[in-house]
């Protein structure tokens, strides 16, 4: 897109829309920036939250946003699950709290870049618009403090199943939802027995050769496109598989999801990228805040 290279200046000329009043109430219980657990980052990337579904770990995301602030927050697609909401309305208070916490960040000066995905593709008709300090786009170029340029995109356009056979993707979505339901009941049993959380879908992704091949092909498609655009790296979501690595000289970063892994990507003032996991070990334990792999 021509607008990508203009991205640092793109929003100065876009139409402005005010935030709806029902969403403007600020989030409560914000920690002091001087709190020992509070971390401020240059940028944060989140993807695949799937608000509007019972699978979304909205409470944990609120906890993450409470203790992690940033100058720029990227929402890398599938934040709201329009596919599932067409079949069944589900919007509990925890999901409203996520929206309010994001809006609170926006009102306090954080730039919010919302990049559309396939599950929230209903927003793509509004791409290019700004709502207060929230900017809606289909893709974006992030300029890192260390001079590197990253292509930020949800990634569904580079998934052959979603891009070429949407009916097959819809069937897969129902199957994935069913697997998550089984996973919930299985982990409730594990929790009752004092055992840690275990992800069925993550296990299958690693063990089933076809799934592993799909992930590898997806990563290759995005990094190849990144090379064509002469960019330093790509930051994406879509496949619910958190990753931070180098492929053929290109930095590949996947934000993961907030359905199972509860993962994010953060960047410090020097431009160093780091994968973060915000995992609840058992039903009665506090969230485990762990910092994952790093890449300069």
Protein backbone atom coordinates (compact mmCIF):
# COMPACT_ATOMS: atom_id res chain seq x y z
CA UNK A 1 0.00 0.00 0.00
CA UNK A 2 1.22 3.51 -0.71
CA UNK A 3 -0.13 4.60 2.66
CA UNK A 4 2.33 2.36 4.48
CA UNK A 5 5.37 4.51 3.84
CA UNK A 6 3.29 7.55 4.80
CA UNK A 7 2.17 5.86 8.02
CA UNK A 8 3.94 8.20 10.49
CA UNK A 9 1.92 11.09 9.02
CA UNK A 10 -1.13 9.24 7.77
CA UNK A 11 -3.56 10.15 10.53
CA UNK A 12 -3.15 13.93 10.33
CA UNK A 13 -5.48 14.02 7.32
CA UNK A 14 -7.95 11.30 8.24
CA UNK A 15 -11.54 11.98 9.35
CA UNK A 16 -12.05 12.13 13.11
CA UNK A 17 -14.91 10.40 14.92
CA UNK A 18 -15.59 10.91 18.65
CA UNK A 19 -15.60 7.96 21.09
CA UNK A 20 -19.17 6.83 21.94
CA UNK A 21 -20.25 8.02 25.41
CA UNK A 22 -21.07 4.50 26.66
CA UNK A 23 -17.43 3.49 26.10
CA UNK A 24 -15.84 6.62 27.56
CA UNK A 25 -15.91 5.68 31.24
CA UNK A 26 -12.27 5.21 32.34
CA UNK A 27 -11.01 1.94 33.75
CA UNK A 28 -10.60 1.85 37.52
CA UNK A 29 -7.84 0.44 39.71
CA UNK A 30 -5.03 1.79 37.55
CA UNK A 31 -1.67 1.25 39.28
CA UNK A 32 0.70 4.11 39.91
CA UNK A 33 3.45 4.34 37.25
CA UNK A 34 5.83 4.08 40.22
CA UNK A 35 4.40 0.70 41.25
CA UNK A 36 7.22 -1.86 41.41
CA UNK A 37 5.27 -4.26 39.17
CA UNK A 38 4.40 -1.62 36.59
CA UNK A 39 6.36 -1.66 33.31
CA UNK A 40 6.32 1.02 30.65
CA UNK A 41 7.29 0.00 27.11
CA UNK A 42 7.91 1.89 23.92
CA UNK A 43 5.39 -0.35 22.08
CA UNK A 44 3.11 -3.31 22.83
CA UNK A 45 1.52 -5.67 20.29
CA UNK A 46 -1.59 -7.76 21.09
CA UNK A 47 -3.56 -9.98 18.72
CA UNK A 48 -6.34 -12.56 18.62
CA UNK A 49 -8.19 -11.56 21.79
CA UNK A 50 -11.54 -12.73 20.35
CA UNK A 51 -13.75 -10.57 22.54
CA UNK A 52 -17.35 -11.68 22.17
CA UNK A 53 -16.51 -15.34 22.79
CA UNK A 54 -16.40 -17.34 25.98
CA UNK A 55 -12.84 -18.42 25.12
CA UNK A 56 -11.34 -14.93 25.49
CA UNK A 57 -9.15 -14.54 28.58
CA UNK A 58 -10.40 -10.99 29.12
CA UNK A 59 -9.71 -10.90 32.86
CA UNK A 60 -6.05 -11.79 32.32
CA UNK A 61 -5.74 -9.22 29.53
CA UNK A 62 -7.12 -6.55 31.86
CA UNK A 63 -4.48 -7.58 34.39
CA UNK A 64 -1.75 -7.33 31.74
CA UNK A 65 -2.91 -3.87 30.62
CA UNK A 66 -3.11 -2.75 34.25
CA UNK A 67 0.60 -3.41 34.82
CA UNK A 68 1.95 -2.68 31.32
CA UNK A 69 1.68 0.69 29.61
CA UNK A 70 3.29 2.00 26.42
CA UNK A 71 3.63 4.91 24.02
CA UNK A 72 2.01 2.94 21.17
CA UNK A 73 -0.36 -0.01 21.52
CA UNK A 74 -0.88 -2.17 18.44
CA UNK A 75 -4.03 -4.31 18.27
CA UNK A 76 -3.06 -6.77 15.54
CA UNK A 77 -6.43 -8.13 14.44
CA UNK A 78 -9.18 -10.43 15.72
CA UNK A 79 -9.63 -8.30 18.82
CA UNK A 80 -13.41 -8.60 18.43
CA UNK A 81 -14.76 -11.87 17.02
CA UNK A 82 -17.45 -10.85 14.55
CA UNK A 83 -17.74 -14.42 13.19
CA UNK A 84 -18.89 -15.89 16.50
CA UNK A 85 -21.03 -12.91 17.46
CA UNK A 86 -23.08 -13.48 14.31
CA UNK A 87 -24.04 -16.89 15.72
CA UNK A 88 -24.34 -16.00 19.40
CA UNK A 89 -24.26 -12.71 21.31
CA UNK A 90 -21.80 -12.82 24.20
CA UNK A 91 -20.45 -9.66 25.77
CA UNK A 92 -19.90 -9.93 29.56
CA UNK A 93 -18.56 -7.24 31.86
CA UNK A 94 -14.99 -8.58 31.59
CA UNK A 95 -15.02 -7.84 27.87
CA UNK A 96 -16.34 -4.32 28.45
CA UNK A 97 -13.52 -3.84 30.95
CA UNK A 98 -10.92 -4.64 28.27
CA UNK A 99 -12.39 -2.00 25.95
CA UNK A 100 -12.49 0.56 28.76
CA UNK A 101 -8.90 -0.14 29.76
CA UNK A 102 -7.75 0.35 26.16
CA UNK A 103 -9.73 3.59 25.92
CA UNK A 104 -8.23 4.76 29.21
CA UNK A 105 -4.78 4.25 27.75
CA UNK A 106 -5.85 6.23 24.67
CA UNK A 107 -7.21 9.12 26.75
CA UNK A 108 -3.93 9.26 28.68
CA UNK A 109 -1.89 9.70 25.52
CA UNK A 110 -1.19 6.20 24.19
CA UNK A 111 -1.50 5.95 20.41
CA UNK A 112 -3.69 2.95 19.53
CA UNK A 113 -3.16 1.34 16.11
CA UNK A 114 -5.98 -1.14 15.41
CA UNK A 115 -5.07 -3.45 12.53
CA UNK A 116 -8.02 -5.40 11.19
CA UNK A 117 -8.11 -9.21 10.99
CA UNK A 118 -10.40 -11.77 9.41
CA UNK A 119 -12.62 -12.22 12.48
CA UNK A 120 -13.12 -8.45 12.74
CA UNK A 121 -13.14 -7.88 8.99
CA UNK A 122 -16.43 -5.96 9.37
CA UNK A 123 -14.17 -3.04 10.44
CA UNK A 124 -12.24 -3.02 7.18
CA UNK A 125 -14.84 -0.81 5.53
CA UNK A 126 -13.76 1.90 8.02
CA UNK A 127 -10.02 1.45 7.45
CA UNK A 128 -8.20 4.78 7.38
CA UNK A 129 -10.43 6.44 9.95
CA UNK A 130 -9.40 7.80 13.35
CA UNK A 131 -11.52 7.69 16.49
CA UNK A 132 -9.88 10.02 18.97
CA UNK A 133 -6.38 8.61 19.46
CA UNK A 134 -7.39 5.25 17.95
CA UNK A 135 -6.47 4.66 14.31
CA UNK A 136 -7.97 1.89 12.19
CA UNK A 137 -5.86 0.40 9.37
CA UNK A 138 -5.37 -2.88 7.52
CA UNK A 139 -1.57 -2.86 7.84
CA UNK A 140 1.11 -0.53 9.10
CA UNK A 141 4.85 0.17 9.12
CA UNK A 142 6.35 0.44 12.60
CA UNK A 143 9.53 2.49 12.92
CA UNK A 144 11.60 1.09 15.79
CA UNK A 145 13.86 3.32 17.94
CA UNK A 146 16.88 1.40 16.58
CA UNK A 147 16.02 2.40 13.00
CA UNK A 148 14.45 -0.88 11.89
CA UNK A 149 11.17 -0.97 10.03
CA UNK A 150 8.58 -3.65 10.77
CA UNK A 151 5.55 -4.58 8.71
CA UNK A 152 2.60 -5.01 11.09
CA UNK A 153 -0.27 -7.07 9.67
CA UNK A 154 -2.76 -9.60 11.02
CA UNK A 155 -1.70 -12.16 8.41
CA UNK A 156 -4.95 -13.77 7.27
CA UNK A 157 -4.24 -12.73 3.68
CA UNK A 158 -1.21 -15.03 3.75
CA UNK A 159 -3.06 -18.04 5.10
CA UNK A 160 -4.02 -20.08 2.03
CA UNK A 161 -6.99 -21.68 3.80
CA UNK A 162 -8.56 -18.38 4.86
CA UNK A 163 -7.64 -16.49 1.71
CA UNK A 164 -8.76 -19.08 -0.87
CA UNK A 165 -11.35 -21.21 0.94
CA UNK A 166 -13.34 -19.21 3.46
CA UNK A 167 -15.91 -21.99 3.87
CA UNK A 168 -13.14 -24.34 4.99
CA UNK A 169 -11.85 -21.71 7.40
CA UNK A 170 -15.35 -21.40 8.89
CA UNK A 171 -15.50 -25.17 9.48
CA UNK A 172 -12.06 -25.04 11.06
CA UNK A 173 -13.20 -22.20 13.31
CA UNK A 174 -16.09 -24.31 14.64
CA UNK A 175 -13.74 -27.25 15.19
CA UNK A 176 -11.28 -25.01 17.03
CA UNK A 177 -14.07 -23.62 19.23
CA UNK A 178 -15.13 -27.18 20.11
CA UNK A 179 -11.55 -28.10 20.97
CA UNK A 180 -11.28 -25.08 23.25
CA UNK A 181 -14.46 -26.14 25.06
CA UNK A 182 -13.00 -29.61 25.64
CA UNK A 183 -9.80 -27.96 26.82
CA UNK A 184 -11.70 -25.83 29.37
CA UNK A 185 -13.35 -28.83 31.02
CA UNK A 186 -10.15 -30.86 30.92
CA UNK A 187 -8.20 -28.07 32.64
CA UNK A 188 -10.89 -27.63 35.28
CA UNK A 189 -10.28 -31.25 36.18
CA UNK A 190 -6.51 -30.69 36.19
CA UNK A 191 -6.97 -27.63 38.42
CA UNK A 192 -9.09 -29.63 40.88
CA UNK A 193 -6.25 -32.13 41.05
CA UNK A 194 -3.71 -29.36 41.66
CA UNK A 195 -2.12 -29.66 38.23
CA UNK A 196 -0.94 -26.84 35.94
CA UNK A 197 -2.76 -25.60 32.83
CA UNK A 198 -2.17 -27.65 29.67
CA UNK A 199 -3.10 -26.55 26.15
CA UNK A 200 -4.57 -29.17 23.86
CA UNK A 201 -4.37 -27.03 20.72
CA UNK A 202 -0.73 -26.08 21.36
CA UNK A 203 0.12 -29.75 21.83
CA UNK A 204 -1.57 -30.66 18.54
CA UNK A 205 0.19 -27.83 16.69
CA UNK A 206 3.56 -29.20 17.72
CA UNK A 207 2.75 -32.91 17.30
CA UNK A 208 0.67 -33.04 14.13
CA UNK A 209 2.93 -32.78 11.08
CA UNK A 210 0.28 -31.08 8.92
CA UNK A 211 -0.32 -28.35 11.49
CA UNK A 212 3.42 -27.76 11.84
CA UNK A 213 3.74 -27.53 8.05
CA UNK A 214 0.94 -24.95 7.88
CA UNK A 215 2.67 -22.80 10.50
CA UNK A 216 6.01 -23.06 8.66
CA UNK A 217 4.42 -22.16 5.32
CA UNK A 218 2.63 -19.22 6.90
CA UNK A 219 5.88 -17.89 8.40
CA UNK A 220 7.69 -18.33 5.07
CA UNK A 221 4.95 -16.48 3.14
CA UNK A 222 5.11 -13.46 5.44
CA UNK A 223 8.90 -13.28 5.61
CA UNK A 224 9.17 -13.58 1.81
CA UNK A 225 6.74 -10.70 1.40
CA UNK A 226 8.75 -8.74 3.95
CA UNK A 227 11.90 -9.27 1.89
CA UNK A 228 10.11 -8.03 -1.23
CA UNK A 229 9.14 -4.86 0.62
CA UNK A 230 12.73 -4.44 1.81
CA UNK A 231 11.71 -4.29 5.46
CA UNK A 232 13.57 -5.59 8.50
CA UNK A 233 10.80 -7.70 9.99
CA UNK A 234 7.15 -8.62 10.25
CA UNK A 235 4.89 -8.59 13.31
CA UNK A 236 1.67 -10.57 12.91
CA UNK A 237 -0.94 -12.74 14.60
CA UNK A 238 -3.71 -14.97 13.20
CA UNK A 239 -2.38 -18.49 13.86
CA UNK A 240 -2.42 -18.31 17.69
CA UNK A 241 1.22 -19.34 17.88
CA UNK A 242 3.57 -16.98 19.72
CA UNK A 243 7.00 -16.82 18.11
CA UNK A 244 10.03 -14.55 17.94
CA UNK A 245 12.86 -15.60 15.65
CA UNK A 246 14.90 -14.75 12.56
CA UNK A 247 14.12 -16.33 9.17
CA UNK A 248 16.48 -15.68 6.25
CA UNK A 249 17.66 -12.45 7.84
CA UNK A 250 14.09 -11.24 8.54
CA UNK A 251 12.79 -10.87 12.08
CA UNK A 252 9.54 -12.80 12.39
CA UNK A 253 7.36 -12.04 15.41
CA UNK A 254 3.92 -13.46 16.13
CA UNK A 255 1.99 -11.92 19.03
CA UNK A 256 0.24 -15.18 19.93
CA UNK A 257 -3.27 -14.90 21.37
CA UNK A 258 -5.45 -14.25 24.43
CA UNK A 259 -7.50 -17.41 24.07
CA UNK A 260 -4.90 -19.84 25.36
CA UNK A 261 -1.29 -18.63 25.50
CA UNK A 262 -2.09 -15.11 26.79
CA UNK A 263 0.98 -13.71 25.06
CA UNK A 264 2.11 -10.34 23.77
CA UNK A 265 5.08 -8.66 22.17
CA UNK A 266 6.79 -5.66 23.78
CA UNK A 267 9.53 -3.27 22.66
CA UNK A 268 11.80 -1.20 24.88
CA UNK A 269 13.28 2.26 24.27
CA UNK A 270 16.27 0.73 22.47
CA UNK A 271 14.07 -1.20 20.01
CA UNK A 272 14.62 -4.63 21.56
CA UNK A 273 11.66 -6.97 21.03
CA UNK A 274 10.58 -9.41 23.71
CA UNK A 275 7.80 -12.02 23.90
CA UNK A 276 5.72 -11.92 27.08
CA UNK A 277 3.46 -14.64 28.48
CA UNK A 278 0.82 -13.81 31.08
CA UNK A 279 -0.27 -17.25 32.26
CA UNK A 280 -2.57 -18.40 35.04
CA UNK A 281 -1.14 -21.63 36.39
CA UNK A 282 -4.17 -22.83 38.38
CA UNK A 283 -7.63 -21.52 39.20
CA UNK A 284 -6.51 -20.44 42.69
CA UNK A 285 -3.12 -18.95 41.82
CA UNK A 286 -2.11 -15.47 40.79
CA UNK A 287 -1.15 -14.89 37.14
CA UNK A 288 2.44 -15.82 36.40
CA UNK A 289 4.15 -12.87 34.75
CA UNK A 290 7.02 -14.20 32.71
CA UNK A 291 9.24 -12.57 30.11
CA UNK A 292 10.07 -14.75 27.15
CA UNK A 293 12.58 -14.70 24.29
CA UNK A 294 14.25 -11.52 23.13
CA UNK A 295 15.45 -10.17 19.80
CA UNK A 296 17.28 -6.93 19.13
